[in-house]
Amino acid sequence: MKTVETIEVTVVEEIQARLKNLGDHVREDRCLNAGGKFEWIDSVLVK
């Protein structure tokens, strides 16, 4: 049976892995821009 601490460590490790993956992609592309233009229209952010 997993303890709360073990579950928390697992969640943190998963988040760290995802952030590392994101960082790797950003370094590879050298950009965070996903493209597109966003505007506020009637209090809604639209692309």
Protein backbone atom coordinates (compact mmCIF):
# COMPACT_ATOMS: atom_id res chain seq x y z
CA MET A 1 0.00 0.00 0.00
CA LYS A 2 1.35 3.40 -0.97
CA THR A 3 1.63 6.13 1.60
CA VAL A 4 0.62 9.72 0.95
CA GLU A 5 4.30 10.70 0.83
CA THR A 6 5.02 8.02 -1.79
CA ILE A 7 2.10 9.20 -3.91
CA GLU A 8 3.25 12.83 -3.59
CA VAL A 9 6.79 11.88 -4.64
CA THR A 10 5.40 9.97 -7.63
CA VAL A 11 3.30 12.98 -8.68
CA VAL A 12 6.27 15.35 -8.32
CA GLU A 13 8.48 13.00 -10.35
CA GLU A 14 5.83 12.84 -13.09
CA ILE A 15 5.59 16.64 -13.18
CA GLN A 16 9.38 16.92 -13.32
CA ALA A 17 9.52 14.46 -16.23
CA ARG A 18 6.86 16.41 -18.14
CA LEU A 19 8.66 19.71 -17.52
CA LYS A 20 11.95 18.21 -18.68
CA ASN A 21 10.23 16.96 -21.83
CA LEU A 22 8.75 20.42 -22.43
CA GLY A 23 12.15 22.03 -21.87
CA ASP A 24 13.74 19.62 -24.34
CA HIS A 25 11.15 20.54 -26.98
CA VAL A 26 11.64 24.27 -26.37
CA ARG A 27 15.42 23.94 -26.67
CA GLU A 28 15.00 21.90 -29.86
CA ASP A 29 12.64 24.44 -31.45
CA ARG A 30 14.36 27.47 -29.85
CA CYS A 31 10.92 29.01 -29.48
CA LEU A 32 7.83 28.95 -27.28
CA ASN A 33 5.58 30.53 -29.90
CA ALA A 34 2.85 28.14 -31.02
CA GLY A 35 1.77 30.55 -33.73
CA GLY A 36 -1.45 32.40 -34.21
CA LYS A 37 -2.79 35.68 -32.94
CA PHE A 38 -5.13 36.04 -29.99
CA GLU A 39 -7.55 38.90 -29.36
CA TRP A 40 -10.13 39.81 -26.75
CA ILE A 41 -13.60 39.84 -28.32
CA ASP A 42 -16.61 40.42 -26.06
CA SER A 43 -14.52 39.49 -23.00
CA VAL A 44 -13.45 36.19 -24.59
CA LEU A 45 -9.92 35.41 -25.72
CA VAL A 46 -10.10 34.04 -29.27
CA LYS A 47 -7.54 32.94 -31.83
